[in-house]
Amino acid sequence: MQTSDRQKLQELASAPVARLLWRYSLPAVVGMLVMSLYNIIDRIYIGQWVGPEAIAGLAITFPVMNLSAALGVLIGAGGSARISILLGSKDFSGAKKVLETAFVLQVLVVSLYLTVFAIFIDDILRAFGASEVTLPYARDFMLCILPGMMLTNFAFTFNNFMRVTGYPVKAMVTMFIGAGLNLVLAPLFIFVLDWGIKGAAIATDISMGVSAFWVMSHFFRQGNVLSLERNFSWFGWPDLKVVGQIVSIGAAPSLVNAAACFINVIINKSLYLYGGDVAVGAAGIFTSFTSLMTMVVVGLCQGMQPIVGYNYGAGLYSRLKSTFYLAVAIATLVVTLGQIFGQLMPWYIARAFTSDETLISVTVNCLSIAMTAFAVVGFQIVSTTLFQSLGKATASIFLSLTRQVIFLIPLLLLLPRSMGLDGVWMAFPLSDMLATAVTLAMVVYQLRHISTRADMESVSESAC
């Protein structure tokens, strides 16, 4: 490994925390924001020019997309957290082994889920809430987007690895390449070629293909902090011990996405029962808008993760806590601004996606209720990433499940019985507040434990 690359990693233990978080988070935030924006723009194109039924059909595909993302995050987040800790401990050969194992694991996982989705696509979409009206739109989109899902997983997984090995700006460029290309191709395919919802999917496939090629070429180039061998001499069944390390850490953020998949199934069925296809479309707009803020927070967490993981591995606990506190403050500001905008100007948000007055009316009501406690979501996401970065798999998994499963599912099943459609929307803020209360208690305990550990190590060093 080159001297300059070692210096990049050493900065994680010595540079000012605020400057580090800015340097590592800004590219990730910009990248995630750009990716989120081009997804939103796709949905705006579809809603305005294809129709409200297409928006509802696209919303039905969200659970499938979340399930694919969950499998990618399992490897990407778990592998990057493990790599950060190993680099902090100066175990470069161990970090390389994680990178190689993650590649093999990605190939196996992608092959499995693409096969299942391709064979059972109609059954899966119906199970996720598609009606006879929305199924054709959802099917057309999914059959065209399947190759792009594979490429997206490779692009995002190895983009995480690029970031934690000291290349945050290059990781941002990866996101810009895909997003910029999609912004050009989507309107061309949807409007000029008149491919409709299929055009949006094909544009994504091409864009993600270019992004995946860009990021993988980085890891097949020798001389970087970590790289893959060109001769594939290591290719084979992955090391099960390393797989366990990756999966145990990556399970928490992966479960967030997987839980979102099954939550969407329950939500879509409840929405269709109490409000029909128009309510499903409103939820799609709500998800699109809130993802804009949560993706910024996720980008912030991606920047925080290598700093926290490296300093934890190096035993620099005060820097770890300072990074966490700063990340929480920024994340809370972002989601609070999102809540203010969503509750004060819901009509403008809905109108951006559709001109259908019925859908606009339902969406305005959705945003006004569902975003009541959105300001606490940032703290919850950053805290889950903290435990993930520390390698605390069990705690991270539990926190991931509180907001999306443990609290939200019972509320979704109970509240609509007495409140109808409003009960579905009300389940979101109540779940956010309950999950935040649990998260706060666990974070306070963990930070006290870290402080105690730091004091004990300080005493031990003094005695020596």
Protein backbone atom coordinates (compact mmCIF):
# COMPACT_ATOMS: atom_id res chain seq x y z
CA MET A 1 0.00 0.00 0.00
CA GLN A 2 1.29 3.47 -0.90
CA THR A 3 2.48 5.91 1.80
CA SER A 4 -0.16 8.49 0.85
CA ASP A 5 -2.89 5.90 1.37
CA ARG A 6 -1.59 5.11 4.86
CA GLN A 7 -1.60 8.83 5.63
CA LYS A 8 -5.25 9.04 4.57
CA LEU A 9 -6.14 6.38 7.11
CA GLN A 10 -3.96 7.91 9.83
CA GLU A 11 -5.93 11.16 9.50
CA LEU A 12 -8.93 9.30 10.92
CA ALA A 13 -7.10 9.16 14.24
CA SER A 14 -5.56 12.65 14.25
CA ALA A 15 -7.45 15.23 12.15
CA PRO A 16 -10.14 17.41 13.80
CA VAL A 17 -13.40 15.49 14.07
CA ALA A 18 -15.57 18.19 12.49
CA ARG A 19 -13.27 18.43 9.47
CA LEU A 20 -13.16 14.65 9.12
CA LEU A 21 -16.94 14.31 9.33
CA TRP A 22 -17.30 17.06 6.72
CA ARG A 23 -14.74 15.43 4.43
CA TYR A 24 -16.18 11.92 4.66
CA SER A 25 -19.86 12.80 4.94
CA LEU A 26 -20.17 15.52 2.31
CA PRO A 27 -19.37 13.22 -0.64
CA ALA A 28 -21.65 10.52 0.80
CA VAL A 29 -24.48 13.00 1.47
CA VAL A 30 -24.18 14.54 -1.97
CA GLY A 31 -24.09 11.10 -3.56
CA MET A 32 -27.10 9.81 -1.65
CA LEU A 33 -28.97 13.07 -2.26
CA VAL A 34 -28.31 12.88 -5.97
CA MET A 35 -29.42 9.24 -6.08
CA SER A 36 -32.55 10.07 -4.12
CA LEU A 37 -33.29 13.06 -6.34
CA TYR A 38 -33.07 11.11 -9.56
CA ASN A 39 -35.39 8.46 -8.13
CA ILE A 40 -37.83 11.19 -7.16
CA ILE A 41 -37.56 12.83 -10.56
CA ASP A 42 -38.31 9.45 -12.17
CA ARG A 43 -41.46 9.23 -10.06
CA ILE A 44 -42.45 12.78 -10.93
CA TYR A 45 -42.06 11.97 -14.64
CA ILE A 46 -44.16 8.83 -14.23
CA GLY A 47 -46.84 10.52 -12.12
CA GLN A 48 -47.23 13.57 -14.33
CA TRP A 49 -47.05 11.90 -17.74
CA VAL A 50 -48.11 8.27 -17.23
CA GLY A 51 -50.77 8.77 -14.55
CA PRO A 52 -51.79 8.17 -10.90
CA GLU A 53 -52.22 4.43 -11.54
CA ALA A 54 -48.55 4.25 -12.55
CA ILE A 55 -47.53 6.03 -9.34
CA ALA A 56 -49.51 3.44 -7.35
CA GLY A 57 -47.95 0.62 -9.40
CA LEU A 58 -44.49 2.00 -8.74
CA ALA A 59 -45.28 2.16 -5.01
CA ILE A 60 -46.06 -1.57 -5.12
CA THR A 61 -42.51 -2.23 -6.33
CA PHE A 62 -40.94 -0.47 -3.33
CA PRO A 63 -41.01 -3.60 -1.12
CA VAL A 64 -39.22 -5.63 -3.81
CA MET A 65 -36.62 -2.88 -4.24
CA ASN A 66 -36.20 -2.69 -0.45
CA LEU A 67 -35.64 -6.43 -0.26
CA SER A 68 -32.94 -6.22 -2.92
CA ALA A 69 -31.37 -3.26 -1.12
CA ALA A 70 -31.48 -5.19 2.17
CA LEU A 71 -29.34 -7.95 0.70
CA GLY A 72 -26.90 -5.41 -0.71
CA VAL A 73 -26.70 -3.52 2.59
CA LEU A 74 -26.11 -6.79 4.45
CA ILE A 75 -22.81 -7.13 2.61
CA GLY A 76 -21.93 -3.49 2.01
CA ALA A 77 -22.57 -2.09 5.49
CA GLY A 78 -21.30 -5.19 7.30
CA GLY A 79 -18.16 -5.41 5.19
CA SER A 80 -17.34 -1.70 5.39
CA ALA A 81 -17.77 -1.62 9.18
CA ARG A 82 -15.51 -4.65 9.56
CA ILE A 83 -12.92 -3.18 7.19
CA SER A 84 -12.86 0.10 9.16
CA ILE A 85 -12.19 -1.70 12.45
CA LEU A 86 -9.45 -3.87 10.89
CA LEU A 87 -7.75 -0.88 9.27
CA GLY A 88 -7.84 0.93 12.61
CA SER A 89 -6.09 -2.09 14.13
CA LYS A 90 -3.54 -2.07 11.23
CA ASP A 91 -4.71 -5.52 10.07
CA PHE A 92 -4.48 -4.87 6.31
CA SER A 93 -4.45 -8.53 5.31
CA GLY A 94 -7.63 -9.13 7.31
CA ALA A 95 -9.30 -6.15 5.63
CA LYS A 96 -8.34 -7.51 2.22
CA LYS A 97 -9.86 -10.88 3.12
CA VAL A 98 -13.14 -9.16 4.01
CA LEU A 99 -13.14 -7.37 0.64
CA GLU A 100 -12.58 -10.61 -1.29
CA THR A 101 -15.20 -12.51 0.68
CA ALA A 102 -17.72 -9.71 0.16
CA PHE A 103 -17.26 -9.92 -3.60
CA VAL A 104 -17.92 -13.67 -3.71
CA LEU A 105 -20.86 -13.31 -1.32
CA GLN A 106 -22.36 -10.56 -3.47
CA VAL A 107 -22.23 -12.75 -6.59
CA LEU A 108 -23.98 -15.63 -4.79
CA VAL A 109 -26.69 -13.47 -3.21
CA VAL A 110 -27.47 -11.54 -6.41
CA SER A 111 -27.76 -14.76 -8.44
CA LEU A 112 -30.21 -16.19 -5.92
CA TYR A 113 -32.62 -13.29 -5.60
CA LEU A 114 -32.68 -12.47 -9.32
CA THR A 115 -33.70 -16.05 -10.07
CA VAL A 116 -36.49 -16.00 -7.47
CA PHE A 117 -37.81 -12.59 -8.57
CA ALA A 118 -37.80 -13.51 -12.27
CA ILE A 119 -39.74 -16.75 -11.74
CA PHE A 120 -42.33 -15.57 -9.22
CA ILE A 121 -42.67 -11.86 -10.08
CA ASP A 122 -46.50 -11.76 -10.45
CA ASP A 123 -47.09 -13.75 -7.27
CA ILE A 124 -44.65 -11.54 -5.36
CA LEU A 125 -46.26 -8.31 -6.57
CA ARG A 126 -49.77 -9.55 -5.72
CA ALA A 127 -48.55 -10.54 -2.26
CA PHE A 128 -47.16 -7.03 -1.86
CA GLY A 129 -50.54 -5.45 -2.56
CA ALA A 130 -50.86 -5.09 -6.36
CA SER A 131 -54.41 -4.87 -7.68
CA GLU A 132 -55.57 -5.75 -11.18
CA VAL A 133 -55.20 -2.05 -12.07
CA THR A 134 -51.66 -1.56 -10.72
CA LEU A 135 -50.18 -5.01 -11.48
CA PRO A 136 -49.39 -4.32 -15.18
CA TYR A 137 -47.47 -1.15 -14.28
CA ALA A 138 -45.59 -2.85 -11.46
CA ARG A 139 -44.78 -5.91 -13.61
CA ASP A 140 -43.50 -3.84 -16.53
CA PHE A 141 -41.24 -1.86 -14.22
CA MET A 142 -39.89 -4.88 -12.30
CA LEU A 143 -39.12 -7.04 -15.33
CA CYS A 144 -37.04 -4.22 -16.80
CA ILE A 145 -35.39 -3.16 -13.54
CA LEU A 146 -34.12 -6.62 -12.49
CA PRO A 147 -30.71 -6.29 -14.22
CA GLY A 148 -30.36 -2.83 -12.70
CA MET A 149 -30.98 -4.21 -9.20
CA MET A 150 -27.96 -6.49 -9.56
CA LEU A 151 -25.77 -3.63 -10.81
CA THR A 152 -27.07 -1.30 -8.09
CA ASN A 153 -26.03 -3.75 -5.39
CA PHE A 154 -22.48 -3.97 -6.73
CA ALA A 155 -22.25 -0.20 -7.17
CA PHE A 156 -23.51 0.60 -3.66
CA THR A 157 -21.67 -2.19 -1.83
CA PHE A 158 -18.26 -1.37 -3.25
CA ASN A 159 -18.96 2.34 -3.05
CA ASN A 160 -19.09 1.81 0.74
CA PHE A 161 -15.75 0.02 0.61
CA MET A 162 -14.26 2.81 -1.49
CA ARG A 163 -15.32 5.37 1.12
CA VAL A 164 -13.98 3.58 4.20
CA THR A 165 -10.59 2.91 2.57
CA GLY A 166 -9.91 6.63 2.15
CA TYR A 167 -11.60 7.64 -1.13
CA PRO A 168 -14.75 9.60 -0.12
CA VAL A 169 -14.60 12.01 -3.07
CA LYS A 170 -14.17 9.21 -5.58
CA ALA A 171 -17.12 7.44 -3.95
CA MET A 172 -19.19 10.56 -4.50
CA VAL A 173 -18.21 10.63 -8.17
CA THR A 174 -19.59 7.10 -8.48
CA MET A 175 -23.01 8.34 -7.40
CA PHE A 176 -22.85 11.37 -9.69
CA ILE A 177 -22.06 9.23 -12.70
CA GLY A 178 -25.16 7.06 -12.28
CA ALA A 179 -27.46 9.90 -11.27
CA GLY A 180 -26.35 12.25 -14.02
CA LEU A 181 -26.71 9.62 -16.71
CA ASN A 182 -30.15 8.64 -15.44
CA LEU A 183 -31.35 12.26 -15.46
CA VAL A 184 -30.48 12.42 -19.16
CA LEU A 185 -31.79 8.98 -20.16
CA ALA A 186 -35.05 8.85 -18.18
CA PRO A 187 -36.87 11.69 -19.98
CA LEU A 188 -35.47 10.49 -23.30
CA PHE A 189 -36.84 6.96 -22.82
CA ILE A 190 -40.12 7.98 -21.14
CA PHE A 191 -41.16 10.87 -23.38
CA VAL A 192 -39.17 10.90 -26.62
CA LEU A 193 -39.24 7.14 -27.19
CA ASP A 194 -42.60 6.82 -25.41
CA TRP A 195 -41.55 3.76 -23.38
CA GLY A 196 -43.47 4.91 -20.30
CA ILE A 197 -42.67 3.20 -17.01
CA LYS A 198 -40.39 0.71 -18.80
CA GLY A 199 -38.26 3.61 -19.97
CA ALA A 200 -37.59 4.69 -16.37
CA ALA A 201 -36.42 1.18 -15.51
CA ILE A 202 -34.16 0.82 -18.57
CA ALA A 203 -32.59 4.23 -17.88
CA THR A 204 -31.78 3.05 -14.35
CA ASP A 205 -30.26 -0.19 -15.67
CA ILE A 206 -27.88 1.62 -17.99
CA SER A 207 -26.94 4.22 -15.37
CA MET A 208 -26.22 1.63 -12.71
CA GLY A 209 -24.19 -0.42 -15.16
CA VAL A 210 -21.86 2.49 -15.77
CA SER A 211 -21.60 3.20 -12.01
CA ALA A 212 -20.86 -0.44 -11.23
CA PHE A 213 -18.11 -0.55 -13.88
CA TRP A 214 -16.57 2.63 -12.47
CA VAL A 215 -16.47 1.46 -8.86
CA MET A 216 -15.32 -2.10 -9.63
CA SER A 217 -12.50 -0.84 -11.86
CA HIS A 218 -11.16 0.95 -8.78
CA PHE A 219 -10.85 -2.30 -6.83
CA PHE A 220 -9.26 -4.22 -9.68
CA ARG A 221 -6.54 -1.58 -9.95
CA GLN A 222 -3.50 -2.54 -7.91
CA GLY A 223 -1.83 -0.05 -5.54
CA ASN A 224 -5.00 1.15 -3.76
CA VAL A 225 -5.48 0.72 -0.02
CA LEU A 226 -7.37 -2.50 -0.80
CA SER A 227 -7.72 -4.23 -4.17
CA LEU A 228 -8.97 -7.49 -5.70
CA GLU A 229 -6.59 -9.86 -7.46
CA ARG A 230 -7.07 -9.87 -11.21
CA ASN A 231 -6.40 -13.59 -11.59
CA PHE A 232 -9.34 -14.57 -9.31
CA SER A 233 -7.10 -17.19 -7.69
CA TRP A 234 -9.05 -16.70 -4.46
CA PHE A 235 -12.47 -17.15 -6.08
CA GLY A 236 -14.44 -20.00 -4.58
CA TRP A 237 -16.74 -20.71 -1.67
CA PRO A 238 -16.42 -17.76 0.75
CA ASP A 239 -14.66 -18.04 4.09
CA LEU A 240 -17.51 -18.81 6.49
CA LYS A 241 -15.81 -17.13 9.45
CA VAL A 242 -15.47 -13.87 7.52
CA VAL A 243 -19.02 -14.26 6.18
CA GLY A 244 -20.23 -14.48 9.77
CA GLN A 245 -18.35 -11.30 10.69
CA ILE A 246 -19.82 -9.41 7.73
CA VAL A 247 -23.38 -10.67 8.23
CA SER A 248 -23.45 -10.12 12.00
CA ILE A 249 -22.54 -6.44 11.64
CA GLY A 250 -24.50 -5.83 8.44
CA ALA A 251 -27.62 -7.52 9.77
CA ALA A 252 -28.90 -4.36 11.49
CA PRO A 253 -29.08 -1.98 8.50
CA SER A 254 -30.08 -4.91 6.32
CA LEU A 255 -33.00 -5.67 8.60
CA VAL A 256 -34.10 -2.04 8.32
CA ASN A 257 -34.50 -2.51 4.58
CA ALA A 258 -35.98 -6.00 4.89
CA ALA A 259 -38.38 -4.78 7.55
CA ALA A 260 -39.34 -1.89 5.28
CA CYS A 261 -40.19 -4.48 2.63
CA PHE A 262 -42.63 -6.37 4.82
CA ILE A 263 -43.92 -3.20 6.45
CA ASN A 264 -44.73 -1.93 2.97
CA VAL A 265 -46.73 -5.08 2.35
CA ILE A 266 -48.82 -4.44 5.47
CA ILE A 267 -49.09 -0.74 4.65
CA ASN A 268 -50.14 -1.35 1.04
CA LYS A 269 -52.79 -3.86 2.06
CA SER A 270 -54.12 -1.53 4.78
CA LEU A 271 -54.08 1.40 2.39
CA TYR A 272 -55.92 -0.51 -0.31
CA LEU A 273 -58.48 -1.73 2.23
CA TYR A 274 -59.21 1.72 3.67
CA GLY A 275 -58.43 4.01 0.73
CA GLY A 276 -57.95 2.03 -2.49
CA ASP A 277 -55.25 2.58 -5.12
CA VAL A 278 -55.22 6.34 -4.53
CA ALA A 279 -54.08 5.82 -0.92
CA VAL A 280 -51.30 3.51 -2.14
CA GLY A 281 -50.21 6.27 -4.52
CA ALA A 282 -50.21 8.81 -1.67
CA ALA A 283 -47.96 6.54 0.37
CA GLY A 284 -45.60 6.36 -2.62
CA ILE A 285 -45.34 10.16 -2.65
CA PHE A 286 -44.85 10.24 1.13
CA THR A 287 -42.05 7.66 0.86
CA SER A 288 -40.41 9.56 -2.00
CA PHE A 289 -40.39 12.84 -0.07
CA THR A 290 -39.20 11.44 3.27
CA SER A 291 -36.48 9.43 1.53
CA LEU A 292 -34.95 12.73 0.46
CA MET A 293 -34.18 13.55 4.12
CA THR A 294 -33.41 10.04 5.31
CA MET A 295 -30.94 9.55 2.47
CA VAL A 296 -29.09 12.68 3.61
CA VAL A 297 -28.91 11.18 7.10
CA VAL A 298 -27.80 7.83 5.68
CA GLY A 299 -25.05 9.64 3.76
CA LEU A 300 -24.01 11.37 6.98
CA CYS A 301 -23.90 7.97 8.69
CA GLN A 302 -21.77 6.55 5.89
CA GLY A 303 -19.29 9.35 6.54
CA MET A 304 -19.46 8.84 10.30
CA GLN A 305 -18.98 5.07 10.15
CA PRO A 306 -15.30 4.87 9.07
CA ILE A 307 -14.35 7.57 11.61
CA VAL A 308 -16.13 5.81 14.48
CA GLY A 309 -14.96 2.34 13.43
CA TYR A 310 -11.32 3.35 12.96
CA ASN A 311 -11.11 5.24 16.27
CA TYR A 312 -12.86 2.42 18.11
CA GLY A 313 -10.29 -0.02 16.73
CA ALA A 314 -7.51 2.39 17.70
CA GLY A 315 -8.91 2.94 21.22
CA LEU A 316 -9.54 6.69 20.72
CA TYR A 317 -12.90 6.82 22.47
CA SER A 318 -13.23 10.57 23.00
CA ARG A 319 -12.97 11.11 19.23
CA LEU A 320 -15.58 8.42 18.71
CA LYS A 321 -18.09 10.18 20.98
CA SER A 322 -17.41 13.62 19.51
CA THR A 323 -18.11 12.25 16.04
CA PHE A 324 -21.38 10.70 17.19
CA TYR A 325 -22.63 13.85 18.93
CA LEU A 326 -21.89 16.00 15.90
CA ALA A 327 -23.60 13.53 13.54
CA VAL A 328 -26.73 13.47 15.74
CA ALA A 329 -26.93 17.27 15.74
CA ILE A 330 -26.66 17.50 11.95
CA ALA A 331 -29.10 14.63 11.33
CA THR A 332 -31.68 16.15 13.68
CA LEU A 333 -31.45 19.50 11.88
CA VAL A 334 -32.02 17.82 8.49
CA VAL A 335 -35.10 15.81 9.48
CA THR A 336 -36.56 18.73 11.44
CA LEU A 337 -36.40 20.93 8.34
CA GLY A 338 -38.05 18.08 6.41
CA GLN A 339 -40.87 17.86 8.94
CA ILE A 340 -41.47 21.62 8.84
CA PHE A 341 -41.62 21.65 5.06
CA GLY A 342 -43.78 18.51 4.87
CA GLN A 343 -46.35 19.80 7.35
CA LEU A 344 -46.50 23.44 6.27
CA MET A 345 -46.44 22.91 2.49
CA PRO A 346 -47.87 19.42 1.80
CA TRP A 347 -49.93 20.63 -1.19
CA TYR A 348 -46.82 21.76 -3.09
CA ILE A 349 -45.14 18.41 -2.49
CA ALA A 350 -48.16 16.44 -3.71
CA ARG A 351 -48.65 18.72 -6.71
CA ALA A 352 -45.06 18.09 -7.83
CA PHE A 353 -45.86 14.38 -8.31
CA THR A 354 -49.38 14.49 -9.74
CA SER A 355 -52.09 16.73 -11.11
CA ASP A 356 -54.87 14.37 -9.97
CA GLU A 357 -56.90 16.31 -7.38
CA THR A 358 -58.03 13.22 -5.46
CA LEU A 359 -54.49 11.94 -5.08
CA ILE A 360 -53.31 15.40 -4.04
CA SER A 361 -55.97 15.61 -1.33
CA VAL A 362 -55.11 12.20 0.15
CA THR A 363 -51.37 12.94 0.00
CA VAL A 364 -51.80 16.26 1.84
CA ASN A 365 -53.62 14.48 4.66
CA CYS A 366 -50.96 11.76 4.73
CA LEU A 367 -48.04 14.20 5.05
CA SER A 368 -49.81 16.30 7.68
CA ILE A 369 -50.29 13.31 9.99
CA ALA A 370 -47.45 10.89 9.22
CA MET A 371 -44.67 13.48 9.63
CA THR A 372 -45.77 14.69 13.08
CA ALA A 373 -42.69 13.18 14.82
CA PHE A 374 -40.31 12.97 11.87
CA ALA A 375 -37.79 15.20 13.70
CA VAL A 376 -36.66 12.30 15.92
CA VAL A 377 -35.84 9.94 13.04
CA GLY A 378 -32.33 11.34 12.53
CA PHE A 379 -31.22 10.44 16.06
CA GLN A 380 -32.58 6.91 15.64
CA ILE A 381 -30.75 6.28 12.36
CA VAL A 382 -27.42 7.70 13.57
CA SER A 383 -27.63 5.69 16.81
CA THR A 384 -28.21 2.45 14.93
CA THR A 385 -25.13 3.23 12.84
CA LEU A 386 -23.14 3.85 16.03
CA PHE A 387 -23.76 0.32 17.28
CA GLN A 388 -23.08 -1.08 13.82
CA SER A 389 -19.75 0.80 13.66
CA LEU A 390 -18.75 -0.61 17.05
CA GLY A 391 -19.46 -4.15 15.88
CA LYS A 392 -22.35 -4.45 18.38
CA ALA A 393 -24.49 -6.60 16.11
CA THR A 394 -27.21 -7.59 18.60
CA ALA A 395 -27.88 -4.04 19.80
CA SER A 396 -27.82 -2.67 16.27
CA ILE A 397 -30.26 -5.31 15.04
CA PHE A 398 -32.61 -4.67 17.94
CA LEU A 399 -32.65 -0.91 17.32
CA SER A 400 -33.28 -1.51 13.64
CA LEU A 401 -36.32 -3.57 14.51
CA THR A 402 -37.86 -1.19 17.08
CA ARG A 403 -39.05 1.51 14.69
CA GLN A 404 -39.86 -0.66 11.67
CA VAL A 405 -41.21 -3.82 13.27
CA ILE A 406 -41.66 -3.98 17.04
CA PHE A 407 -43.73 -0.79 17.29
CA LEU A 408 -44.93 -0.05 13.77
CA ILE A 409 -46.53 -3.40 12.89
CA PRO A 410 -48.83 -3.58 15.94
CA LEU A 411 -49.82 0.05 15.42
CA LEU A 412 -50.60 -0.59 11.75
CA LEU A 413 -52.80 -3.53 12.70
CA LEU A 414 -54.64 -1.77 15.55
CA LEU A 415 -55.09 1.93 14.73
CA PRO A 416 -56.89 1.62 11.34
CA ARG A 417 -59.64 -0.44 12.97
CA SER A 418 -60.84 2.60 14.89
CA MET A 419 -59.41 5.48 12.83
CA GLY A 420 -59.60 4.14 9.27
CA LEU A 421 -57.04 5.53 6.81
CA ASP A 422 -55.87 8.15 9.31
CA GLY A 423 -54.86 5.28 11.59
CA VAL A 424 -52.36 4.07 8.99
CA TRP A 425 -50.79 7.54 8.84
CA MET A 426 -50.82 7.94 12.63
CA ALA A 427 -48.85 4.70 13.12
CA PHE A 428 -45.70 6.36 11.74
CA PRO A 429 -45.19 9.19 14.29
CA LEU A 430 -46.17 6.99 17.24
CA SER A 431 -43.66 4.35 16.18
CA ASP A 432 -40.96 7.01 15.73
CA MET A 433 -41.44 8.36 19.26
CA LEU A 434 -41.52 4.96 20.96
CA ALA A 435 -38.41 3.75 19.10
CA THR A 436 -36.53 6.94 19.96
CA ALA A 437 -37.22 6.48 23.67
CA VAL A 438 -35.73 2.97 23.58
CA THR A 439 -32.79 4.14 21.48
CA LEU A 440 -31.95 6.97 23.87
CA ALA A 441 -31.74 4.57 26.82
CA MET A 442 -29.43 2.19 24.94
CA VAL A 443 -27.17 4.98 23.65
CA VAL A 444 -26.73 6.48 27.13
CA TYR A 445 -25.77 3.05 28.50
CA GLN A 446 -23.31 2.36 25.67
CA LEU A 447 -21.56 5.73 25.91
CA ARG A 448 -21.18 5.32 29.67
CA HIS A 449 -19.65 1.89 29.04
CA ILE A 450 -17.19 3.41 26.56
CA SER A 451 -16.25 6.12 29.08
CA THR A 452 -15.64 3.48 31.76
CA ARG A 453 -13.49 1.47 29.38
CA ALA A 454 -11.46 4.56 28.49
CA ASP A 455 -10.90 5.34 32.18
CA MET A 456 -9.74 1.78 32.89
CA GLU A 457 -7.29 1.84 29.99
CA SER A 458 -5.97 5.20 31.14
CA VAL A 459 -5.36 3.84 34.66
CA SER A 460 -3.66 0.75 33.21
CA GLU A 461 -1.33 2.88 31.09
CA SER A 462 -0.46 5.07 34.07
CA ALA A 463 0.38 2.02 36.17
CA CYS A 464 2.74 0.79 33.47
